[in-house]
PDB file of N, CA and C in Angstrom:
ATOM      1  N   UNK A   1     186.390 116.568  87.373  1.00  0.00           N
ATOM      2  CA  UNK A   1     186.418 115.600  88.368  1.00  0.00           C
ATOM      3  C   UNK A   1     185.001 114.765  88.194  1.00  0.00           C
ATOM      4  N   UNK A   2     184.914 113.499  88.328  1.00  0.00           N
ATOM      5  CA  UNK A   2     183.618 112.685  88.000  1.00  0.00           C
ATOM      6  C   UNK A   2     183.212 112.290  89.517  1.00  0.00           C
ATOM      7  N   UNK A   3     184.220 112.017  90.401  1.00  0.00           N
ATOM      8  CA  UNK A   3     183.836 111.537  91.516  1.00  0.00           C
ATOM      9  C   UNK A   3     183.938 112.642  92.869  1.00  0.00           C
ATOM     10  N   UNK A   4     183.320 112.328  93.728  1.00  0.00           N
ATOM     11  CA  UNK A   4     183.591 113.145  95.089  1.00  0.00           C
ATOM     12  C   UNK A   4     184.539 112.718  95.929  1.00  0.00           C
ATOM     13  N   UNK A   5     185.435 113.510  96.581  1.00  0.00           N
ATOM     14  CA  UNK A   5     186.650 113.103  97.297  1.00  0.00           C
ATOM     15  C   UNK A   5     186.144 113.477  98.862  1.00  0.00           C
ATOM     16  N   UNK A   6     186.296 112.294  99.706  1.00  0.00           N
ATOM     17  CA  UNK A   6     185.993 112.259 101.085  1.00  0.00           C
ATOM     18  C   UNK A   6     187.269 112.516 101.777  1.00  0.00           C
ATOM     19  N   UNK A   7     187.520 113.713 102.479  1.00  0.00           N
ATOM     20  CA  UNK A   7     188.672 113.633 102.999  1.00  0.00           C
ATOM     21  C   UNK A   7     188.371 113.588 104.637  1.00  0.00           C
ATOM     22  N   UNK A   8     189.357 112.702 105.457  1.00  0.00           N
ATOM     23  CA  UNK A   8     189.334 112.788 106.826  1.00  0.00           C
ATOM     24  C   UNK A   8     190.449 112.263 107.385  1.00  0.00           C
ATOM     25  N   UNK A   9     190.464 112.313 108.664  1.00  0.00           N
ATOM     26  CA  UNK A   9     191.882 111.917 109.550  1.00  0.00           C
ATOM     27  C   UNK A   9     191.715 110.799 110.355  1.00  0.00           C
ATOM     28  N   UNK A  10     190.844 110.037 110.162  1.00  0.00           N
ATOM     29  CA  UNK A  10     190.623 108.673 110.781  1.00  0.00           C
ATOM     30  C   UNK A  10     190.225 108.650 112.171  1.00  0.00           C
ATOM     31  N   UNK A  11     189.673 109.895 112.861  1.00  0.00           N
ATOM     32  CA  UNK A  11     189.065 109.742 114.163  1.00  0.00           C
ATOM     33  C   UNK A  11     187.628 108.932 114.260  1.00  0.00           C
ATOM     34  N   UNK A  12     187.286 108.920 115.316  1.00  0.00           N
ATOM     35  CA  UNK A  12     185.966 108.250 115.238  1.00  0.00           C
ATOM     36  C   UNK A  12     184.825 109.079 114.534  1.00  0.00           C
ATOM     37  N   UNK A  13     184.663 110.301 114.736  1.00  0.00           N
ATOM     38  CA  UNK A  13     183.878 111.119 113.967  1.00  0.00           C
ATOM     39  C   UNK A  13     183.984 110.907 112.542  1.00  0.00           C
ATOM     40  N   UNK A  14     185.215 110.903 111.777  1.00  0.00           N
ATOM     41  CA  UNK A  14     185.463 110.684 110.513  1.00  0.00           C
ATOM     42  C   UNK A  14     185.025 109.542 109.898  1.00  0.00           C
ATOM     43  N   UNK A  15     185.562 108.406 110.814  1.00  0.00           N
ATOM     44  CA  UNK A  15     185.056 107.140 110.332  1.00  0.00           C
ATOM     45  C   UNK A  15     183.478 106.884 110.186  1.00  0.00           C
ATOM     46  N   UNK A  16     182.952 107.279 111.182  1.00  0.00           N
ATOM     47  CA  UNK A  16     181.201 107.332 110.959  1.00  0.00           C
ATOM     48  C   UNK A  16     181.037 107.989 109.730  1.00  0.00           C
ATOM     49  N   UNK A  17     181.389 109.193 109.546  1.00  0.00           N
ATOM     50  CA  UNK A  17     180.875 110.006 108.539  1.00  0.00           C
ATOM     51  C   UNK A  17     181.249 109.355 107.221  1.00  0.00           C
ATOM     52  N   UNK A  18     182.452 108.624 107.055  1.00  0.00           N
ATOM     53  CA  UNK A  18     182.978 108.017 106.047  1.00  0.00           C
ATOM     54  C   UNK A  18     181.754 106.950 105.637  1.00  0.00           C
ATOM     55  N   UNK A  19     181.558 106.097 106.598  1.00  0.00           N
ATOM     56  CA  UNK A  19     180.571 104.940 106.424  1.00  0.00           C
ATOM     57  C   UNK A  19     179.244 105.576 105.870  1.00  0.00           C
ATOM     58  N   UNK A  20     178.756 106.584 106.399  1.00  0.00           N
ATOM     59  CA  UNK A  20     177.511 107.374 105.952  1.00  0.00           C
ATOM     60  C   UNK A  20     177.639 107.695 104.527  1.00  0.00           C
ATOM     61  N   UNK A  21     178.756 108.246 104.130  1.00  0.00           N
ATOM     62  CA  UNK A  21     178.825 108.910 102.797  1.00  0.00           C
ATOM     63  C   UNK A  21     178.849 107.748 101.895  1.00  0.00           C
ATOM     64  N   UNK A  22     179.667 106.510 102.179  1.00  0.00           N
ATOM     65  CA  UNK A  22     179.523 105.621 101.237  1.00  0.00           C
ATOM     66  C   UNK A  22     178.418 105.036 101.319  1.00  0.00           C
ATOM     67  N   UNK A  23     177.569 104.710 102.083  1.00  0.00           N
ATOM     68  CA  UNK A  23     176.293 104.110 102.127  1.00  0.00           C
ATOM     69  C   UNK A  23     175.313 104.881 101.264  1.00  0.00           C
ATOM     70  N   UNK A  24     175.377 106.381 101.471  1.00  0.00           N
ATOM     71  CA  UNK A  24     174.441 107.317 100.758  1.00  0.00           C
ATOM     72  C   UNK A  24     174.792 107.283  99.104  1.00  0.00           C
ATOM     73  N   UNK A  25     176.145 107.380  98.744  1.00  0.00           N
ATOM     74  CA  UNK A  25     176.467 107.876  97.399  1.00  0.00           C
ATOM     75  C   UNK A  25     177.133 106.574  96.758  1.00  0.00           C
ATOM     76  N   UNK A  26     177.717 105.743  97.440  1.00  0.00           N
ATOM     77  CA  UNK A  26     178.170 104.561  97.001  1.00  0.00           C
ATOM     78  C   UNK A  26     179.811 104.521  96.787  1.00  0.00           C
ATOM     79  N   UNK A  27     180.496 103.440  96.938  1.00  0.00           N
ATOM     80  CA  UNK A  27     181.821 103.458  97.066  1.00  0.00           C
ATOM     81  C   UNK A  27     182.420 103.866  95.610  1.00  0.00           C
ATOM     82  N   UNK A  28     181.765 103.485  94.575  1.00  0.00           N
ATOM     83  CA  UNK A  28     182.307 103.726  93.023  1.00  0.00           C
ATOM     84  C   UNK A  28     182.267 105.402  92.910  1.00  0.00           C
ATOM     85  N   UNK A  29     181.413 106.129  93.744  1.00  0.00           N
ATOM     86  CA  UNK A  29     181.329 107.585  93.474  1.00  0.00           C
ATOM     87  C   UNK A  29     182.126 108.333  94.491  1.00  0.00           C
ATOM     88  N   UNK A  30     182.990 107.869  95.138  1.00  0.00           N
ATOM     89  CA  UNK A  30     183.534 108.511  96.076  1.00  0.00           C
ATOM     90  C   UNK A  30     184.965 107.935  96.324  1.00  0.00           C
ATOM     91  N   UNK A  31     185.795 108.868  96.431  1.00  0.00           N
ATOM     92  CA  UNK A  31     187.241 108.485  96.966  1.00  0.00           C
ATOM     93  C   UNK A  31     187.646 108.998  98.154  1.00  0.00           C
ATOM     94  N   UNK A  32     188.048 107.924  98.935  1.00  0.00           N
ATOM     95  CA  UNK A  32     188.279 108.113 100.512  1.00  0.00           C
ATOM     96  C   UNK A  32     189.819 108.496 100.441  1.00  0.00           C
ATOM     97  N   UNK A  33     190.166 109.712 101.123  1.00  0.00           N
ATOM     98  CA  UNK A  33     191.551 110.172 101.403  1.00  0.00           C
ATOM     99  C   UNK A  33     191.734 110.123 102.879  1.00  0.00           C
ATOM    100  N   UNK A  34     192.308 109.281 103.518  1.00  0.00           N
ATOM    101  CA  UNK A  34     192.799 109.472 104.720  1.00  0.00           C
ATOM    102  C   UNK A  34     194.019 110.293 104.897  1.00  0.00           C
ATOM    103  N   UNK A  35     193.707 111.526 105.402  1.00  0.00           N
ATOM    104  CA  UNK A  35     195.004 112.506 105.472  1.00  0.00           C
ATOM    105  C   UNK A  35     196.033 112.151 106.477  1.00  0.00           C
ATOM    106  N   UNK A  36     195.566 111.437 107.554  1.00  0.00           N
ATOM    107  CA  UNK A  36     196.646 110.846 108.418  1.00  0.00           C
ATOM    108  C   UNK A  36     197.512 110.073 108.088  1.00  0.00           C
ATOM    109  N   UNK A  37     197.186 109.360 106.974  1.00  0.00           N
ATOM    110  CA  UNK A  37     198.069 108.308 106.201  1.00  0.00           C
ATOM    111  C   UNK A  37     198.457 108.956 104.793  1.00  0.00           C
ATOM    112  N   UNK A  38     197.874 109.852 104.385  1.00  0.00           N
ATOM    113  CA  UNK A  38     198.118 110.336 103.068  1.00  0.00           C
ATOM    114  C   UNK A  38     198.622 111.735 103.265  1.00  0.00           C
ATOM    115  N   UNK A  39     199.601 112.063 103.944  1.00  0.00           N
ATOM    116  CA  UNK A  39     200.058 113.530 104.199  1.00  0.00           C
ATOM    117  C   UNK A  39     200.259 114.403 103.106  1.00  0.00           C
ATOM    118  N   UNK A  40     200.781 113.605 101.934  1.00  0.00           N
ATOM    119  CA  UNK A  40     201.101 114.116 100.824  1.00  0.00           C
ATOM    120  C   UNK A  40     199.664 114.983  99.969  1.00  0.00           C
ATOM    121  N   UNK A  41     198.474 114.430 100.714  1.00  0.00           N
ATOM    122  CA  UNK A  41     197.224 115.191  99.982  1.00  0.00           C
ATOM    123  C   UNK A  41     196.933 116.211 100.743  1.00  0.00           C
ATOM    124  N   UNK A  42     197.517 116.717 102.024  1.00  0.00           N
ATOM    125  CA  UNK A  42     196.855 117.719 102.740  1.00  0.00           C
ATOM    126  C   UNK A  42     197.064 119.114 101.833  1.00  0.00           C
ATOM    127  N   UNK A  43     197.827 119.475 101.158  1.00  0.00           N
ATOM    128  CA  UNK A  43     198.165 120.657 100.507  1.00  0.00           C
ATOM    129  C   UNK A  43     196.901 120.667  99.577  1.00  0.00           C
ATOM    130  N   UNK A  44     196.671 119.675  98.644  1.00  0.00           N
ATOM    131  CA  UNK A  44     195.643 119.381  97.766  1.00  0.00           C
ATOM    132  C   UNK A  44     194.201 119.595  98.456  1.00  0.00           C
ATOM    133  N   UNK A  45     193.966 119.216  99.617  1.00  0.00           N
ATOM    134  CA  UNK A  45     192.769 119.454 100.101  1.00  0.00           C
ATOM    135  C   UNK A  45     192.694 120.883 100.513  1.00  0.00           C
ATOM    136  N   UNK A  46     193.617 121.573 101.115  1.00  0.00           N
ATOM    137  CA  UNK A  46     193.420 122.800 101.578  1.00  0.00           C
ATOM    138  C   UNK A  46     193.349 123.711 100.497  1.00  0.00           C
ATOM    139  N   UNK A  47     194.045 123.493  99.208  1.00  0.00           N
ATOM    140  CA  UNK A  47     193.804 124.161  97.984  1.00  0.00           C
ATOM    141  C   UNK A  47     192.487 124.036  97.426  1.00  0.00           C
ATOM    142  N   UNK A  48     191.770 122.930  97.738  1.00  0.00           N
ATOM    143  CA  UNK A  48     190.426 122.760  97.315  1.00  0.00           C
ATOM    144  C   UNK A  48     189.472 123.561  98.369  1.00  0.00           C
ATOM    145  N   UNK A  49     189.989 124.003  99.321  1.00  0.00           N
ATOM    146  CA  UNK A  49     189.000 124.683 100.195  1.00  0.00           C
ATOM    147  C   UNK A  49     188.683 123.927 101.318  1.00  0.00           C
ATOM    148  N   UNK A  50     189.208 122.998 101.788  1.00  0.00           N
ATOM    149  CA  UNK A  50     189.063 122.158 103.055  1.00  0.00           C
ATOM    150  C   UNK A  50     189.476 122.953 104.167  1.00  0.00           C
ATOM    151  N   UNK A  51     188.584 123.114 105.373  1.00  0.00           N
ATOM    152  CA  UNK A  51     189.178 123.889 106.472  1.00  0.00           C
ATOM    153  C   UNK A  51     189.109 122.973 107.447  1.00  0.00           C
ATOM    154  N   UNK A  52     188.425 121.792 107.600  1.00  0.00           N
ATOM    155  CA  UNK A  52     188.414 120.975 108.733  1.00  0.00           C
ATOM    156  C   UNK A  52     187.930 119.598 108.157  1.00  0.00           C
ATOM    157  N   UNK A  53     188.244 118.501 108.815  1.00  0.00           N
ATOM    158  CA  UNK A  53     187.602 117.253 108.383  1.00  0.00           C
ATOM    159  C   UNK A  53     186.672 116.634 109.361  1.00  0.00           C
ATOM    160  N   UNK A  54     185.828 115.837 109.155  1.00  0.00           N
ATOM    161  CA  UNK A  54     185.479 115.244 107.801  1.00  0.00           C
ATOM    162  C   UNK A  54     184.947 116.325 106.960  1.00  0.00           C
ATOM    163  N   UNK A  55     185.247 116.123 105.424  1.00  0.00           N
ATOM    164  CA  UNK A  55     184.944 117.043 104.420  1.00  0.00           C
ATOM    165  C   UNK A  55     184.537 116.358 103.199  1.00  0.00           C
ATOM    166  N   UNK A  56     183.700 116.706 102.567  1.00  0.00           N
ATOM    167  CA  UNK A  56     183.328 115.940 101.114  1.00  0.00           C
ATOM    168  C   UNK A  56     183.564 117.120 100.091  1.00  0.00           C
ATOM    169  N   UNK A  57     184.298 116.793  99.108  1.00  0.00           N
ATOM    170  CA  UNK A  57     184.569 117.767  97.717  1.00  0.00           C
ATOM    171  C   UNK A  57     183.596 117.170  96.892  1.00  0.00           C
ATOM    172  N   UNK A  58     182.649 117.693  96.410  1.00  0.00           N
ATOM    173  CA  UNK A  58     181.758 117.383  95.388  1.00  0.00           C
ATOM    174  C   UNK A  58     182.216 117.493  94.142  1.00  0.00           C
ATOM    175  N   UNK A  59     181.709 116.767  93.054  1.00  0.00           N
ATOM    176  CA  UNK A  59     182.277 116.674  91.591  1.00  0.00           C
ATOM    177  C   UNK A  59     182.180 118.038  91.173  1.00  0.00           C
ATOM    178  N   UNK A  60     181.524 119.129  91.308  1.00  0.00           N
ATOM    179  CA  UNK A  60     181.464 120.496  90.964  1.00  0.00           C
ATOM    180  C   UNK A  60     182.386 121.313  91.681  1.00  0.00           C
ATOM    181  N   UNK A  61     183.010 120.915  92.706  1.00  0.00           N
ATOM    182  CA  UNK A  61     184.142 121.695  93.397  1.00  0.00           C
ATOM    183  C   UNK A  61     183.667 122.193  94.657  1.00  0.00           C
ATOM    184  N   UNK A  62     182.364 121.974  95.029  1.00  0.00           N
ATOM    185  CA  UNK A  62     181.930 122.327  96.390  1.00  0.00           C
ATOM    186  C   UNK A  62     182.582 121.566  97.562  1.00  0.00           C
ATOM    187  N   UNK A  63     182.735 122.364  98.539  1.00  0.00           N
ATOM    188  CA  UNK A  63     183.420 121.455  99.780  1.00  0.00           C
ATOM    189  C   UNK A  63     182.245 121.525 100.808  1.00  0.00           C
ATOM    190  N   UNK A  64     181.796 120.355 101.415  1.00  0.00           N
ATOM    191  CA  UNK A  64     180.848 120.013 102.362  1.00  0.00           C
ATOM    192  C   UNK A  64     181.469 119.837 103.770  1.00  0.00           C
ATOM    193  N   UNK A  65     181.704 120.622 104.834  1.00  0.00           N
ATOM    194  CA  UNK A  65     182.490 120.381 105.894  1.00  0.00           C
ATOM    195  C   UNK A  65     181.103 119.622 106.814  1.00  0.00           C
ATOM    196  N   UNK A  66     181.418 118.518 107.236  1.00  0.00           N
ATOM    197  CA  UNK A  66     180.697 117.577 107.792  1.00  0.00           C
ATOM    198  C   UNK A  66     180.892 117.796 109.350  1.00  0.00           C
ATOM    199  N   UNK A  67     180.236 117.285 110.237  1.00  0.00           N
ATOM    200  CA  UNK A  67     180.520 116.922 111.536  1.00  0.00           C
ATOM    201  C   UNK A  67     181.920 117.046 112.016  1.00  0.00           C
ATOM    202  N   UNK A  68     182.174 118.356 112.667  1.00  0.00           N
ATOM    203  CA  UNK A  68     183.791 118.818 113.069  1.00  0.00           C
ATOM    204  C   UNK A  68     184.379 117.709 113.428  1.00  0.00           C
ATOM    205  N   UNK A  69     185.269 117.280 113.074  1.00  0.00           N
ATOM    206  CA  UNK A  69     186.252 116.324 113.706  1.00  0.00           C
ATOM    207  C   UNK A  69     187.730 116.757 114.187  1.00  0.00           C
ATOM    208  N   UNK A  70     188.455 117.626 112.965  1.00  0.00           N
ATOM    209  CA  UNK A  70     189.621 118.185 113.340  1.00  0.00           C
ATOM    210  C   UNK A  70     189.898 119.199 112.198  1.00  0.00           C
ATOM    211  N   UNK A  71     190.605 120.275 112.940  1.00  0.00           N
ATOM    212  CA  UNK A  71     190.906 121.350 111.940  1.00  0.00           C
ATOM    213  C   UNK A  71     192.018 120.965 111.023  1.00  0.00           C
ATOM    214  N   UNK A  72     192.411 121.457 110.074  1.00  0.00           N
ATOM    215  CA  UNK A  72     193.533 121.147 109.017  1.00  0.00           C
ATOM    216  C   UNK A  72     194.939 121.334 109.734  1.00  0.00           C
ATOM    217  N   UNK A  73     194.965 122.432 110.845  1.00  0.00           N
ATOM    218  CA  UNK A  73     196.213 122.381 111.491  1.00  0.00           C
ATOM    219  C   UNK A  73     196.476 121.232 112.461  1.00  0.00           C
ATOM    220  N   UNK A  74     195.251 120.580 112.952  1.00  0.00           N
ATOM    221  CA  UNK A  74     195.395 119.456 113.916  1.00  0.00           C
ATOM    222  C   UNK A  74     195.868 118.274 112.729  1.00  0.00           C
ATOM    223  N   UNK A  75     195.367 118.346 111.536  1.00  0.00           N
ATOM    224  CA  UNK A  75     195.783 117.085 110.826  1.00  0.00           C
ATOM    225  C   UNK A  75     197.153 117.417 110.475  1.00  0.00           C
ATOM    226  N   UNK A  76     197.814 118.566 110.170  1.00  0.00           N
ATOM    227  CA  UNK A  76     199.198 118.805 109.849  1.00  0.00           C
ATOM    228  C   UNK A  76     200.058 118.362 111.120  1.00  0.00           C
ATOM    229  N   UNK A  77     199.533 118.459 112.201  1.00  0.00           N
ATOM    230  CA  UNK A  77     200.399 117.967 113.449  1.00  0.00           C
ATOM    231  C   UNK A  77     201.253 119.088 113.761  1.00  0.00           C
TER     232      UNK A  77
END
């Protein structure tokens, strides 16, 4: 993996964190995944270790859980 992946659910906390992440590392270096709109990616996020969103998956596989917005159970609905 060469890009970071930013997983979020679209809440205000997530949108704010997304803007900060893109500002910090650049849009070319991060894939944005809105799990509320891309529910088919929830299992992928969980398999990578995402426990809550917003979360940033780094290129070397570390998951950085950011300012708590929603648990994965909440995202699944």
